[in-house]
Amino acid sequence: MLKKLGVSSSGYYSWKKRTTSNQELRKRSLCTEITEIYNESHQIYGAPKITSILRSRGHAVSEKTVGNYMKELGIKAIWVSPYTRTT
C-alpha cells in the first residue's frame, strides 16, 4: 500500500509516531471556542466581536487569526440589515 501512495515505510511510521505540536493544540482549542461563541450568538457575530470575546476570556489572539480560522471552519456572520423606512 505504501508503494502505491509513494511513501517510504520509515516516513510513514515516523509520521504515525509524531505528536501534535503546541500550535496545533492551541488552534484546536481556539476553533472549538470560536464555533461555541458563533453558535451562542445565533450565527450573527463576526471576527471582530468574537476576537473581543476571546480576549476578554484571556486569549491573546488577533482578529486576522480568528477570521482565518472562521474561513477554515466555513462559518461567516449573517449580516442583519437595518430597517429602512420606504414611505
N, C-alpha and C. Protein backbone atom coordinates (compact mmCIF):
# COMPACT_ATOMS: atom_id res chain seq x y z
N MET A 1 0.82 -1.18 0.00
CA MET A 1 0.00 0.00 0.00
C MET A 1 0.88 1.26 0.00
N LEU A 2 1.97 1.23 0.74
CA LEU A 2 2.84 2.40 0.80
C LEU A 2 3.48 2.68 -0.55
N LYS A 3 3.79 1.63 -1.30
CA LYS A 3 4.38 1.83 -2.63
C LYS A 3 3.40 2.52 -3.56
N LYS A 4 2.13 2.17 -3.47
CA LYS A 4 1.12 2.81 -4.33
C LYS A 4 0.95 4.29 -3.99
N LEU A 5 1.10 4.62 -2.72
CA LEU A 5 0.99 6.01 -2.30
C LEU A 5 2.28 6.79 -2.53
N GLY A 6 3.37 6.07 -2.77
CA GLY A 6 4.65 6.73 -3.00
C GLY A 6 5.29 7.24 -1.72
N VAL A 7 5.08 6.51 -0.61
CA VAL A 7 5.61 6.91 0.68
C VAL A 7 6.55 5.82 1.18
N SER A 8 7.67 6.23 1.76
CA SER A 8 8.58 5.24 2.33
C SER A 8 8.02 4.73 3.65
N SER A 9 8.39 3.51 4.00
CA SER A 9 7.86 2.93 5.24
C SER A 9 8.39 3.68 6.46
N SER A 10 9.65 4.11 6.41
CA SER A 10 10.19 4.86 7.55
C SER A 10 9.48 6.20 7.70
N GLY A 11 9.16 6.84 6.59
CA GLY A 11 8.44 8.11 6.64
C GLY A 11 7.04 7.93 7.20
N TYR A 12 6.38 6.83 6.82
CA TYR A 12 5.03 6.56 7.32
C TYR A 12 5.05 6.35 8.83
N TYR A 13 5.98 5.53 9.31
CA TYR A 13 6.00 5.23 10.73
C TYR A 13 6.45 6.43 11.57
N SER A 14 7.33 7.26 11.02
CA SER A 14 7.71 8.47 11.77
C SER A 14 6.54 9.45 11.81
N TRP A 15 5.73 9.52 10.74
CA TRP A 15 4.54 10.37 10.74
C TRP A 15 3.52 9.86 11.76
N LYS A 16 3.39 8.53 11.83
CA LYS A 16 2.41 7.94 12.74
C LYS A 16 2.81 8.15 14.20
N LYS A 17 4.11 8.18 14.49
CA LYS A 17 4.60 8.33 15.85
C LYS A 17 4.62 9.80 16.30
N ARG A 18 4.55 10.72 15.36
CA ARG A 18 4.66 12.14 15.66
C ARG A 18 3.51 12.62 16.55
N THR A 19 3.82 13.48 17.50
CA THR A 19 2.80 14.03 18.38
C THR A 19 2.36 15.39 17.86
N THR A 20 1.22 15.85 18.34
CA THR A 20 0.72 17.15 17.88
C THR A 20 1.50 18.27 18.56
N SER A 21 1.73 19.33 17.81
CA SER A 21 2.51 20.46 18.32
C SER A 21 1.64 21.35 19.21
N ASN A 22 2.29 22.22 19.95
CA ASN A 22 1.56 23.16 20.81
C ASN A 22 0.70 24.10 19.98
N GLN A 23 1.21 24.48 18.81
CA GLN A 23 0.46 25.38 17.93
C GLN A 23 -0.83 24.70 17.45
N GLU A 24 -0.74 23.42 17.11
CA GLU A 24 -1.92 22.70 16.65
C GLU A 24 -2.93 22.53 17.79
N LEU A 25 -2.45 22.27 18.99
CA LEU A 25 -3.35 22.15 20.14
C LEU A 25 -4.05 23.48 20.42
N ARG A 26 -3.31 24.60 20.32
CA ARG A 26 -3.90 25.92 20.53
C ARG A 26 -4.95 26.21 19.47
N LYS A 27 -4.64 25.83 18.22
CA LYS A 27 -5.58 26.07 17.12
C LYS A 27 -6.87 25.29 17.34
N ARG A 28 -6.75 24.04 17.76
CA ARG A 28 -7.94 23.22 18.00
C ARG A 28 -8.82 23.82 19.10
N SER A 29 -8.19 24.26 20.20
CA SER A 29 -8.98 24.81 21.29
C SER A 29 -9.63 26.13 20.89
N LEU A 30 -8.90 26.96 20.11
CA LEU A 30 -9.48 28.21 19.65
C LEU A 30 -10.64 27.96 18.69
N CYS A 31 -10.49 26.97 17.82
CA CYS A 31 -11.57 26.67 16.86
C CYS A 31 -12.83 26.20 17.58
N THR A 32 -12.67 25.41 18.63
CA THR A 32 -13.86 24.97 19.36
C THR A 32 -14.52 26.15 20.07
N GLU A 33 -13.71 27.06 20.63
CA GLU A 33 -14.29 28.23 21.29
C GLU A 33 -14.94 29.17 20.28
N ILE A 34 -14.34 29.30 19.10
CA ILE A 34 -14.92 30.17 18.07
C ILE A 34 -16.28 29.64 17.64
N THR A 35 -16.38 28.34 17.40
CA THR A 35 -17.67 27.78 17.00
C THR A 35 -18.69 27.88 18.13
N GLU A 36 -18.24 27.74 19.37
CA GLU A 36 -19.14 27.87 20.51
C GLU A 36 -19.71 29.29 20.61
N ILE A 37 -18.83 30.29 20.50
CA ILE A 37 -19.28 31.69 20.55
C ILE A 37 -20.18 32.00 19.37
N TYR A 38 -19.81 31.50 18.20
CA TYR A 38 -20.58 31.74 16.97
C TYR A 38 -21.99 31.18 17.10
N ASN A 39 -22.11 29.97 17.63
CA ASN A 39 -23.43 29.36 17.77
C ASN A 39 -24.25 30.00 18.89
N GLU A 40 -23.59 30.46 19.95
CA GLU A 40 -24.32 31.15 21.02
C GLU A 40 -24.90 32.48 20.54
N SER A 41 -24.25 33.08 19.55
CA SER A 41 -24.73 34.37 19.03
C SER A 41 -25.75 34.19 17.91
N HIS A 42 -26.18 32.96 17.67
CA HIS A 42 -27.12 32.64 16.59
C HIS A 42 -26.55 33.01 15.22
N GLN A 43 -25.26 32.74 15.03
CA GLN A 43 -24.51 32.96 13.78
C GLN A 43 -24.47 34.43 13.35
N ILE A 44 -24.53 35.36 14.29
CA ILE A 44 -24.52 36.77 13.95
C ILE A 44 -23.13 37.39 14.13
N TYR A 45 -22.38 36.96 15.13
CA TYR A 45 -21.09 37.58 15.42
C TYR A 45 -20.06 37.24 14.35
N GLY A 46 -19.27 38.24 14.00
CA GLY A 46 -18.17 38.07 13.06
C GLY A 46 -16.84 38.02 13.79
N ALA A 47 -15.76 38.11 13.02
CA ALA A 47 -14.42 38.00 13.59
C ALA A 47 -14.11 39.09 14.61
N PRO A 48 -14.48 40.38 14.38
CA PRO A 48 -14.14 41.39 15.38
C PRO A 48 -14.78 41.15 16.75
N LYS A 49 -16.05 40.82 16.75
CA LYS A 49 -16.75 40.60 18.03
C LYS A 49 -16.26 39.32 18.71
N ILE A 50 -16.02 38.26 17.94
CA ILE A 50 -15.51 37.02 18.51
C ILE A 50 -14.12 37.24 19.09
N THR A 51 -13.30 38.05 18.41
CA THR A 51 -11.96 38.36 18.91
C THR A 51 -12.04 39.08 20.25
N SER A 52 -12.94 40.04 20.37
CA SER A 52 -13.06 40.77 21.64
C SER A 52 -13.53 39.86 22.76
N ILE A 53 -14.41 38.92 22.45
CA ILE A 53 -14.88 37.97 23.48
C ILE A 53 -13.75 37.04 23.90
N LEU A 54 -12.96 36.57 22.92
CA LEU A 54 -11.84 35.70 23.24
C LEU A 54 -10.79 36.43 24.08
N ARG A 55 -10.56 37.70 23.76
CA ARG A 55 -9.60 38.49 24.55
C ARG A 55 -10.11 38.70 25.97
N SER A 56 -11.42 38.88 26.13
CA SER A 56 -11.96 39.04 27.49
C SER A 56 -11.87 37.74 28.27
N ARG A 57 -11.82 36.62 27.57
CA ARG A 57 -11.65 35.32 28.23
C ARG A 57 -10.19 34.99 28.50
N GLY A 58 -9.28 35.88 28.06
CA GLY A 58 -7.87 35.68 28.39
C GLY A 58 -7.00 35.15 27.27
N HIS A 59 -7.52 35.05 26.05
CA HIS A 59 -6.72 34.56 24.93
C HIS A 59 -6.04 35.74 24.23
N ALA A 60 -4.78 35.55 23.87
CA ALA A 60 -4.06 36.56 23.09
C ALA A 60 -4.16 36.15 21.63
N VAL A 61 -5.11 36.74 20.91
CA VAL A 61 -5.37 36.34 19.53
C VAL A 61 -5.72 37.59 18.73
N SER A 62 -5.34 37.58 17.46
CA SER A 62 -5.63 38.73 16.60
C SER A 62 -6.92 38.49 15.81
N GLU A 63 -7.45 39.57 15.29
CA GLU A 63 -8.68 39.49 14.51
C GLU A 63 -8.45 38.71 13.21
N LYS A 64 -7.28 38.88 12.63
CA LYS A 64 -6.95 38.17 11.39
C LYS A 64 -6.90 36.66 11.61
N THR A 65 -6.34 36.25 12.74
CA THR A 65 -6.28 34.82 13.06
C THR A 65 -7.68 34.24 13.22
N VAL A 66 -8.53 34.95 13.92
CA VAL A 66 -9.91 34.49 14.11
C VAL A 66 -10.62 34.42 12.76
N GLY A 67 -10.41 35.42 11.91
CA GLY A 67 -11.02 35.41 10.58
C GLY A 67 -10.54 34.24 9.74
N ASN A 68 -9.24 33.93 9.81
CA ASN A 68 -8.71 32.80 9.05
C ASN A 68 -9.28 31.48 9.56
N TYR A 69 -9.39 31.34 10.88
CA TYR A 69 -9.96 30.12 11.44
C TYR A 69 -11.44 29.98 11.07
N MET A 70 -12.16 31.10 11.05
CA MET A 70 -13.57 31.06 10.66
C MET A 70 -13.70 30.64 9.20
N LYS A 71 -12.79 31.10 8.36
CA LYS A 71 -12.82 30.72 6.95
C LYS A 71 -12.54 29.23 6.79
N GLU A 72 -11.58 28.71 7.56
CA GLU A 72 -11.28 27.28 7.51
C GLU A 72 -12.46 26.45 7.99
N LEU A 73 -13.17 26.94 8.99
CA LEU A 73 -14.33 26.22 9.52
C LEU A 73 -15.57 26.37 8.64
N GLY A 74 -15.52 27.31 7.71
CA GLY A 74 -16.64 27.52 6.80
C GLY A 74 -17.79 28.27 7.43
N ILE A 75 -17.50 29.14 8.38
CA ILE A 75 -18.55 29.92 9.02
C ILE A 75 -18.33 31.40 8.76
N LYS A 76 -19.42 32.12 8.60
CA LYS A 76 -19.33 33.57 8.49
C LYS A 76 -20.60 34.18 9.06
N ALA A 77 -20.46 35.42 9.47
CA ALA A 77 -21.56 36.10 10.15
C ALA A 77 -22.69 36.40 9.19
N ILE A 78 -23.90 36.36 9.73
CA ILE A 78 -25.07 36.75 8.96
C ILE A 78 -25.24 38.25 9.13
N TRP A 79 -25.29 38.96 8.03
CA TRP A 79 -25.45 40.40 8.09
C TRP A 79 -26.91 40.72 8.26
N VAL A 80 -27.23 41.42 9.34
CA VAL A 80 -28.61 41.81 9.61
C VAL A 80 -28.76 43.23 9.11
N SER A 81 -29.58 43.40 8.08
CA SER A 81 -29.74 44.74 7.51
C SER A 81 -30.61 45.59 8.42
N PRO A 82 -30.27 46.84 8.57
CA PRO A 82 -31.10 47.71 9.41
C PRO A 82 -32.43 47.99 8.72
N TYR A 83 -33.43 48.28 9.54
CA TYR A 83 -34.75 48.56 9.00
C TYR A 83 -34.71 49.87 8.22
N THR A 84 -35.22 49.84 6.99
CA THR A 84 -35.27 51.03 6.16
C THR A 84 -36.72 51.38 5.91
N ARG A 85 -37.06 52.58 6.25
CA ARG A 85 -38.42 53.05 6.01
C ARG A 85 -38.52 53.50 4.56
N THR A 86 -39.46 52.97 3.83
CA THR A 86 -39.55 53.25 2.39
C THR A 86 -40.63 54.25 2.02
N THR A 87 -41.53 54.54 2.93
CA THR A 87 -42.58 55.51 2.58
C THR A 87 -42.60 56.68 3.53
